[in-house]
Amino acid sequence: MKKRIPSFFSGFLTAVLLLALTTTALAASGKVSYNFANVALDGETRIAAGKDITAANGQQIPGSILYTDAAGGKTNYLPIRTISELLGVEIGYDSAAKTILLGGQSGTAPAAQARWSKTVDGNRVTYTSAETESTYDTAPLYRPAWQAEGWGLSSLTTDGRGVHSAYWRYLDGSGNTVSLTCANPGGGSFGFQPGLEDSVKNRRQVTVQGCPADLYMDIESCYLVWENSDGVLFTMRGPDEETLRQVAESIRPCAKEAPEYQLSWLPEGYKQLERSALGDTVYASWIRSGMSLTWMQSAESLALPEGTPETVSVNGVKARYWAAKEPYEESPVEVNGEPLEEDTTSLGGVTITSGVVHGARSEDVNTLVWSRDGVNFRLQGALDRETLVRIAEHVTLKK
């Protein structure tokens, strides 16, 4: 069935279409024209009249805007990002403060912030400490206070001596990841390479907790880097700017410590692969015949597998058990292209223990989770339920 449109509305729609096709529109009592003028810098035309330009997000926008007021006076406007690129001035936007940032923002930075330098090589960005020696006794203990529903701590890794840096990794139920690296000055270099070529070129300067920060937008994630007044470098990666900024603003020093527990019994043959401890969190892994066993304790919520767990008991305490969704398959470790037949080998006079450590949401390992005295525990491995429960029942306070 066809619908007839009255002639008045037909004329109105035609007028709307004509206005949409023209490059001139009315604004207040004046007139606005788009792409009216050429723009030249040092005698070279950089923007041609009648041409749009491409914004950072790929959208086509006017290269220039001419406003003619009611008295006939004319004023030309250019997009502020275009001006910054023409003059070589850095530009950023602080959405929280609703402030456009032009040039360096050293005026907002604490005076002590000069301990890390940034270098760019193609699409790779590296932040390097200007200090060569470190006098720290422990890695910087900072952690997000914000943790939305569904997010949980997946792992903690510190550097070899545990004094330079700490790497925290969080997961949510949709497979999104937020990672945070905190590094003391004197801790070397930290870098990343976005997959999008324009990520580095289109870097934005924002502020995090009053400190200037670099924001890089990548294909499916973004990076946020800043240095605080104590010279600690923070490097974050997350799924989107909003999540990353929200987590970053909640990061606080965390001096809280909890009793440290240990696994006082393990099946024969397991060798420790790694161990990191910081504040109330401990993360460790063991390996046996290519099979990993991971253990974590923290006062924070821990990342959990998908699905509905079974209810079991650990020393009379209610615990949750997730069975693996698929059979475990051993992944051989190679050194110089040769598979290792043993978990431990000697390379250059150094004994190396190697293996594949499965993540918190790996579907080919079993998971046991329980809580005790305000501490959350997670145990994962290619071991049956009875063996995991037995290990859990031998968790004791570390002396």
Protein backbone atom coordinates (compact mmCIF):
# COMPACT_ATOMS: atom_id res chain seq x y z
CA MET A 1 0.00 0.00 0.00
CA LYS A 2 1.43 3.36 -1.05
CA LYS A 3 1.37 6.39 1.22
CA ARG A 4 0.67 9.82 -0.25
CA ILE A 5 2.61 12.81 1.11
CA PRO A 6 0.79 16.17 1.17
CA SER A 7 2.28 18.82 -1.14
CA PHE A 8 3.42 21.00 1.81
CA PHE A 9 5.57 18.20 3.25
CA SER A 10 6.81 17.32 -0.23
CA GLY A 11 8.08 20.85 -0.66
CA PHE A 12 9.58 20.80 2.85
CA LEU A 13 11.48 17.57 2.15
CA THR A 14 12.75 18.99 -1.14
CA ALA A 15 14.06 22.05 0.69
CA VAL A 16 15.83 19.85 3.25
CA LEU A 17 17.50 17.89 0.47
CA LEU A 18 18.65 21.09 -1.25
CA LEU A 19 20.11 22.41 2.00
CA ALA A 20 21.92 19.12 2.60
CA LEU A 21 23.56 19.28 -0.83
CA THR A 22 24.85 22.84 -0.58
CA THR A 23 28.15 23.86 1.12
CA THR A 24 26.61 26.94 2.69
CA ALA A 25 24.34 27.08 5.76
CA LEU A 26 22.91 29.78 8.02
CA ALA A 27 24.34 30.26 11.53
CA ALA A 28 22.59 32.73 13.83
CA SER A 29 22.48 35.96 11.78
CA GLY A 30 25.51 35.08 9.66
CA LYS A 31 26.52 32.56 7.02
CA VAL A 32 28.93 29.60 7.23
CA SER A 33 30.80 28.25 4.18
CA TYR A 34 32.95 25.15 4.13
CA ASN A 35 36.23 24.52 2.27
CA PHE A 36 36.18 28.09 0.94
CA ALA A 37 39.90 28.91 1.13
CA ASN A 38 43.31 27.47 0.38
CA VAL A 39 45.68 27.14 3.36
CA ALA A 40 49.40 27.71 2.73
CA LEU A 41 52.39 27.37 5.04
CA ASP A 42 55.72 28.99 4.11
CA GLY A 43 54.52 29.44 0.53
CA GLU A 44 53.36 25.84 0.13
CA THR A 45 49.66 25.00 -0.21
CA ARG A 46 48.85 22.45 2.45
CA ILE A 47 45.03 22.41 2.21
CA ALA A 48 43.28 23.04 -1.11
CA ALA A 49 40.00 24.94 -1.38
CA GLY A 50 37.03 22.68 -2.00
CA LYS A 51 38.74 19.67 -0.38
CA ASP A 52 37.87 17.89 2.83
CA ILE A 53 40.58 16.56 5.14
CA THR A 54 40.72 13.22 6.92
CA ALA A 55 40.39 13.27 10.71
CA ALA A 56 42.31 10.89 13.00
CA ASN A 57 39.29 8.56 13.14
CA GLY A 58 39.09 8.35 9.34
CA GLN A 59 36.10 10.68 8.94
CA GLN A 60 36.06 13.39 6.24
CA ILE A 61 35.69 16.89 7.73
CA PRO A 62 35.92 20.43 6.28
CA GLY A 63 39.47 21.67 5.77
CA SER A 64 38.42 25.26 6.47
CA ILE A 65 35.33 27.14 7.60
CA LEU A 66 34.42 30.72 6.60
CA TYR A 67 31.96 32.64 8.77
CA THR A 68 30.39 35.79 7.33
CA ASP A 69 28.57 37.86 9.92
CA ALA A 70 25.47 40.02 9.36
CA ALA A 71 27.64 43.07 8.59
CA GLY A 72 29.64 41.20 5.95
CA GLY A 73 32.74 40.64 8.08
CA LYS A 74 34.56 37.41 7.31
CA THR A 75 36.45 35.12 9.70
CA ASN A 76 38.29 31.92 8.68
CA TYR A 77 38.45 28.90 11.03
CA LEU A 78 40.62 25.79 10.83
CA PRO A 79 40.28 22.52 12.79
CA ILE A 80 42.55 22.82 15.82
CA ARG A 81 44.26 19.50 15.03
CA THR A 82 45.10 20.86 11.57
CA ILE A 83 46.69 23.95 13.12
CA SER A 84 48.75 21.78 15.51
CA GLU A 85 50.00 19.60 12.64
CA LEU A 86 50.83 22.60 10.43
CA LEU A 87 52.81 24.30 13.21
CA GLY A 88 54.30 21.13 14.69
CA VAL A 89 52.61 21.62 18.08
CA GLU A 90 51.48 18.58 20.06
CA ILE A 91 47.77 18.36 20.75
CA GLY A 92 45.76 16.36 23.25
CA TYR A 93 42.42 16.37 24.98
CA ASP A 94 41.65 15.76 28.64
CA SER A 95 38.05 14.55 28.58
CA ALA A 96 37.76 14.64 32.38
CA ALA A 97 38.70 18.33 32.53
CA LYS A 98 37.17 19.12 29.11
CA THR A 99 40.43 20.82 28.17
CA ILE A 100 42.28 20.92 24.84
CA LEU A 101 46.02 20.51 25.45
CA LEU A 102 48.40 22.31 23.07
CA GLY A 103 52.16 21.88 23.32
CA GLY A 104 53.99 20.45 26.32
CA GLN A 105 52.07 20.38 29.58
CA SER A 106 55.06 20.60 31.89
CA GLY A 107 53.26 23.23 33.94
CA THR A 108 50.85 20.56 35.24
CA ALA A 109 53.54 17.99 35.96
CA PRO A 110 55.29 17.59 39.30
CA ALA A 111 58.82 18.96 39.20
CA ALA A 112 60.36 15.54 39.88
CA GLN A 113 59.11 14.07 36.59
CA ALA A 114 62.22 13.81 34.47
CA ARG A 115 63.37 10.26 35.10
CA TRP A 116 62.08 8.51 31.98
CA SER A 117 62.63 9.43 28.35
CA LYS A 118 60.61 8.37 25.32
CA THR A 119 62.03 7.27 21.96
CA VAL A 120 60.11 6.38 18.82
CA ASP A 121 61.49 4.05 16.15
CA GLY A 122 58.94 3.67 13.37
CA ASN A 123 55.89 2.27 15.09
CA ARG A 124 57.68 1.17 18.26
CA VAL A 125 57.63 3.32 21.39
CA THR A 126 60.16 2.82 24.20
CA TYR A 127 60.34 4.49 27.60
CA THR A 128 63.80 4.29 29.18
CA SER A 129 64.90 5.22 32.68
CA ALA A 130 67.58 7.88 32.76
CA GLU A 131 69.01 6.23 35.89
CA THR A 132 71.36 3.27 35.56
CA GLU A 133 71.43 2.18 39.19
CA SER A 134 68.56 1.23 41.46
CA THR A 135 68.53 1.31 45.25
CA TYR A 136 65.03 -0.12 45.69
CA ASP A 137 64.28 -3.08 47.92
CA THR A 138 61.00 -4.04 46.27
CA ALA A 139 59.01 -3.45 43.11
CA PRO A 140 56.58 -0.50 43.25
CA LEU A 141 53.42 -1.61 45.00
CA TYR A 142 50.60 0.16 43.18
CA ARG A 143 47.29 -1.41 42.22
CA PRO A 144 43.87 -0.32 40.93
CA ALA A 145 41.28 0.27 43.64
CA TRP A 146 38.56 0.01 40.98
CA GLN A 147 37.55 -3.46 39.89
CA ALA A 148 34.23 -3.72 38.05
CA GLU A 149 31.97 -6.73 38.37
CA GLY A 150 33.23 -9.68 36.38
CA TRP A 151 36.88 -8.58 36.45
CA GLY A 152 39.47 -10.57 38.36
CA LEU A 153 43.22 -10.70 38.90
CA SER A 154 44.80 -13.22 36.54
CA SER A 155 48.52 -13.07 37.35
CA LEU A 156 51.37 -11.13 38.91
CA THR A 157 54.92 -11.11 37.59
CA THR A 158 57.89 -9.25 39.04
CA ASP A 159 61.36 -8.93 37.55
CA GLY A 160 64.05 -11.43 38.44
CA ARG A 161 65.07 -9.74 41.67
CA GLY A 162 61.62 -8.37 42.41
CA VAL A 163 62.85 -4.78 42.89
CA HIS A 164 62.39 -3.03 39.54
CA SER A 165 58.94 -3.78 38.13
CA ALA A 166 55.62 -5.52 38.66
CA TYR A 167 53.22 -6.67 35.95
CA TRP A 168 49.54 -7.11 36.89
CA ARG A 169 47.04 -8.72 34.54
CA TYR A 170 43.23 -8.59 34.91
CA LEU A 171 40.54 -10.44 32.93
CA ASP A 172 36.78 -10.06 32.62
CA GLY A 173 34.13 -12.58 31.63
CA SER A 174 34.19 -11.48 27.98
CA GLY A 175 37.86 -12.15 27.43
CA ASN A 176 38.94 -8.49 27.75
CA THR A 177 42.31 -7.81 29.36
CA VAL A 178 43.73 -4.89 31.31
CA SER A 179 47.44 -5.05 32.04
CA LEU A 180 49.44 -2.73 34.28
CA THR A 181 53.21 -2.48 34.56
CA CYS A 182 54.71 -0.38 37.36
CA ALA A 183 58.46 0.26 37.16
CA ASN A 184 60.93 1.98 39.46
CA PRO A 185 63.43 4.32 37.78
CA GLY A 186 66.62 2.42 37.17
CA GLY A 187 64.55 -0.53 35.97
CA GLY A 188 65.61 -0.43 32.30
CA SER A 189 63.26 0.07 29.35
CA PHE A 190 59.63 -0.70 28.59
CA GLY A 191 58.19 -0.58 25.10
CA PHE A 192 55.35 -1.67 22.86
CA GLN A 193 54.48 -1.66 19.17
CA PRO A 194 50.87 -0.91 18.22
CA GLY A 195 49.47 -2.71 15.19
CA LEU A 196 47.98 0.46 13.72
CA GLU A 197 50.54 2.59 11.87
CA ASP A 198 48.94 5.90 12.89
CA SER A 199 48.74 4.99 16.60
CA VAL A 200 52.06 6.63 17.40
CA LYS A 201 51.57 9.61 15.08
CA ASN A 202 48.13 10.33 16.53
CA ARG A 203 49.24 10.05 20.14
CA ARG A 204 47.16 12.20 22.46
CA GLN A 205 48.36 13.85 25.63
CA VAL A 206 45.93 13.50 28.52
CA THR A 207 46.25 13.69 32.29
CA VAL A 208 46.13 10.88 34.84
CA GLN A 209 45.94 11.85 38.50
CA GLY A 210 47.31 15.28 37.58
CA CYS A 211 50.27 13.87 35.65
CA PRO A 212 50.74 14.21 31.86
CA ALA A 213 50.14 10.90 30.10
CA ASP A 214 50.48 9.52 26.57
CA LEU A 215 47.43 7.81 25.06
CA TYR A 216 47.80 5.60 21.97
CA MET A 217 44.74 4.18 20.22
CA ASP A 218 45.33 0.81 18.52
CA ILE A 219 43.08 -1.48 16.47
CA GLU A 220 41.33 -3.31 19.32
CA SER A 221 43.05 -1.82 22.35
CA CYS A 222 44.79 1.29 23.61
CA TYR A 223 47.91 2.14 25.63
CA LEU A 224 48.30 4.67 28.43
CA VAL A 225 51.71 5.68 29.82
CA TRP A 226 52.64 8.17 32.53
CA GLU A 227 55.16 8.88 35.28
CA ASN A 228 54.21 9.96 38.80
CA SER A 229 55.98 12.38 41.14
CA ASP A 230 58.09 9.54 42.58
CA GLY A 231 59.43 8.64 39.14
CA VAL A 232 57.42 5.40 38.89
CA LEU A 233 56.47 4.61 35.30
CA PHE A 234 53.00 3.20 34.65
CA THR A 235 52.26 1.42 31.38
CA MET A 236 48.72 0.19 30.78
CA ARG A 237 46.93 -1.63 28.00
CA GLY A 238 43.17 -2.13 27.82
CA PRO A 239 40.21 -2.71 25.51
CA ASP A 240 39.08 0.93 25.28
CA GLU A 241 39.91 4.42 26.51
CA GLU A 242 37.03 4.69 28.96
CA THR A 243 37.97 1.49 30.83
CA LEU A 244 41.65 2.35 30.80
CA ARG A 245 41.16 5.89 32.11
CA GLN A 246 38.79 4.68 34.84
CA VAL A 247 41.22 2.03 36.04
CA ALA A 248 44.20 4.42 35.83
CA GLU A 249 42.53 7.08 37.97
CA SER A 250 41.89 4.48 40.69
CA ILE A 251 45.50 3.29 41.01
CA ARG A 252 46.83 3.82 44.52
CA PRO A 253 49.83 2.74 46.61
CA CYS A 254 48.94 -0.53 48.29
CA ALA A 255 50.84 -1.20 51.49
CA LYS A 256 48.43 -3.89 52.64
CA GLU A 257 50.04 -7.21 53.35
CA ALA A 258 48.43 -10.53 54.11
CA PRO A 259 49.80 -13.70 55.67
CA GLU A 260 51.80 -15.54 53.03
CA TYR A 261 50.84 -19.15 52.46
CA GLN A 262 52.72 -21.97 50.81
CA LEU A 263 51.99 -25.37 49.29
CA SER A 264 53.52 -27.80 51.78
CA TRP A 265 52.75 -30.84 49.60
CA LEU A 266 52.93 -31.43 45.86
CA PRO A 267 52.88 -34.61 43.79
CA GLU A 268 56.36 -35.96 43.21
CA GLY A 269 58.36 -34.54 40.32
CA TYR A 270 57.15 -30.94 40.23
CA LYS A 271 59.83 -28.24 39.90
CA GLN A 272 59.18 -24.56 40.54
CA LEU A 273 59.21 -22.47 37.39
CA GLU A 274 58.50 -18.99 38.76
CA ARG A 275 57.36 -17.15 41.85
CA SER A 276 56.35 -13.52 42.39
CA ALA A 277 55.21 -11.98 45.68
CA LEU A 278 54.14 -8.39 46.29
CA GLY A 279 51.94 -7.02 49.06
CA ASP A 280 49.08 -9.44 49.67
CA THR A 281 49.54 -11.30 46.38
CA VAL A 282 51.61 -14.37 45.53
CA TYR A 283 51.70 -16.06 42.13
CA ALA A 284 53.77 -19.19 41.48
CA SER A 285 53.99 -22.03 38.97
CA TRP A 286 55.52 -25.48 38.85
CA ILE A 287 56.20 -27.84 35.96
CA ARG A 288 56.33 -31.63 35.61
CA SER A 289 56.66 -33.43 32.27
CA GLY A 290 55.39 -30.38 30.46
CA MET A 291 52.35 -30.03 32.75
CA SER A 292 52.04 -26.77 34.67
CA LEU A 293 50.53 -26.18 38.09
CA THR A 294 49.75 -22.57 39.06
CA TRP A 295 48.93 -21.16 42.48
CA MET A 296 47.70 -17.70 43.44
CA GLN A 297 46.70 -15.97 46.65
CA SER A 298 45.40 -12.42 46.92
CA ALA A 299 42.95 -10.27 48.84
CA GLU A 300 41.65 -9.18 45.43
CA SER A 301 38.99 -10.99 43.43
CA LEU A 302 40.61 -13.56 41.17
CA ALA A 303 39.89 -14.30 37.51
CA LEU A 304 37.78 -17.46 37.24
CA PRO A 305 36.95 -19.90 34.43
CA GLU A 306 33.67 -19.69 32.56
CA GLY A 307 30.77 -21.98 33.37
CA THR A 308 29.13 -23.26 36.53
CA PRO A 309 31.48 -24.88 39.08
CA GLU A 310 30.90 -27.85 41.35
CA THR A 311 30.87 -27.35 45.10
CA VAL A 312 33.56 -29.24 47.00
CA SER A 313 35.14 -28.99 50.44
CA VAL A 314 38.69 -28.00 51.44
CA ASN A 315 39.31 -28.69 55.13
CA GLY A 316 35.65 -28.07 55.82
CA VAL A 317 35.60 -24.80 53.84
CA LYS A 318 33.31 -24.46 50.82
CA ALA A 319 35.29 -24.40 47.56
CA ARG A 320 34.46 -24.27 43.85
CA TYR A 321 35.80 -26.66 41.23
CA TRP A 322 35.76 -26.20 37.44
CA ALA A 323 36.54 -29.28 35.34
CA ALA A 324 38.53 -28.79 32.13
CA LYS A 325 36.38 -28.45 29.01
CA GLU A 326 38.84 -30.20 26.73
CA PRO A 327 41.65 -32.74 27.20
CA TYR A 328 45.08 -31.46 28.12
CA GLU A 329 47.64 -31.58 25.31
CA GLU A 330 51.30 -31.26 26.09
CA SER A 331 53.05 -28.35 24.37
CA PRO A 332 56.76 -29.12 23.87
CA VAL A 333 59.22 -26.34 24.70
CA GLU A 334 62.00 -25.63 22.21
CA VAL A 335 65.42 -24.03 22.61
CA ASN A 336 67.20 -23.01 19.42
CA GLY A 337 64.64 -24.99 17.46
CA GLU A 338 65.23 -28.22 19.36
CA PRO A 339 62.52 -29.69 21.64
CA LEU A 340 63.53 -30.19 25.24
CA GLU A 341 63.08 -33.73 26.51
CA GLU A 342 63.40 -32.69 30.16
CA ASP A 343 61.90 -29.79 32.12
CA THR A 344 65.39 -28.77 33.26
CA THR A 345 68.35 -28.26 30.97
CA SER A 346 71.75 -26.60 31.05
CA LEU A 347 72.48 -23.80 28.61
CA GLY A 348 75.81 -21.99 28.71
CA GLY A 349 76.53 -23.32 32.17
CA VAL A 350 73.18 -22.05 33.47
CA THR A 351 70.47 -24.45 34.62
CA ILE A 352 67.11 -23.55 33.05
CA THR A 353 63.71 -24.88 34.08
CA SER A 354 61.20 -24.43 31.26
CA GLY A 355 57.57 -25.17 30.59
CA VAL A 356 54.25 -23.82 29.33
CA VAL A 357 52.13 -22.03 31.95
CA HIS A 358 48.40 -21.98 31.32
CA GLY A 359 46.32 -18.86 31.82
CA ALA A 360 43.55 -18.34 34.36
CA ARG A 361 40.86 -19.17 31.79
CA SER A 362 42.58 -22.04 30.00
CA GLU A 363 39.99 -24.66 29.10
CA ASP A 364 42.32 -27.66 29.31
CA VAL A 365 43.17 -27.43 33.03
CA ASN A 366 41.11 -27.98 36.17
CA THR A 367 40.57 -25.12 38.61
CA LEU A 368 39.97 -25.06 42.38
CA VAL A 369 39.08 -21.79 44.17
CA TRP A 370 38.39 -21.08 47.86
CA SER A 371 38.78 -18.33 50.49
CA ARG A 372 40.19 -18.23 53.97
CA ASP A 373 40.70 -15.36 56.45
CA GLY A 374 40.02 -12.73 53.78
CA VAL A 375 42.46 -14.27 51.29
CA ASN A 376 41.35 -15.80 47.97
CA PHE A 377 43.14 -18.85 46.59
CA ARG A 378 43.25 -20.33 43.09
CA LEU A 379 44.90 -23.61 42.11
CA GLN A 380 45.03 -24.78 38.46
CA GLY A 381 46.58 -27.73 36.69
CA ALA A 382 46.12 -30.87 34.63
CA LEU A 383 45.45 -32.86 37.80
CA ASP A 384 42.23 -34.55 38.87
CA ARG A 385 39.87 -33.04 41.43
CA GLU A 386 41.01 -35.26 44.31
CA THR A 387 44.67 -34.32 43.79
CA LEU A 388 43.91 -30.58 43.62
CA VAL A 389 41.85 -30.83 46.82
CA ARG A 390 44.66 -32.70 48.53
CA ILE A 391 47.16 -29.98 47.54
CA ALA A 392 44.74 -27.32 48.81
CA GLU A 393 44.36 -29.09 52.14
CA HIS A 394 48.14 -28.87 52.58
CA VAL A 395 48.25 -25.09 52.23
CA THR A 396 50.00 -23.69 55.30
CA LEU A 397 51.26 -20.37 56.55
CA LYS A 398 54.79 -19.66 55.38
CA LYS A 399 57.22 -19.39 58.28
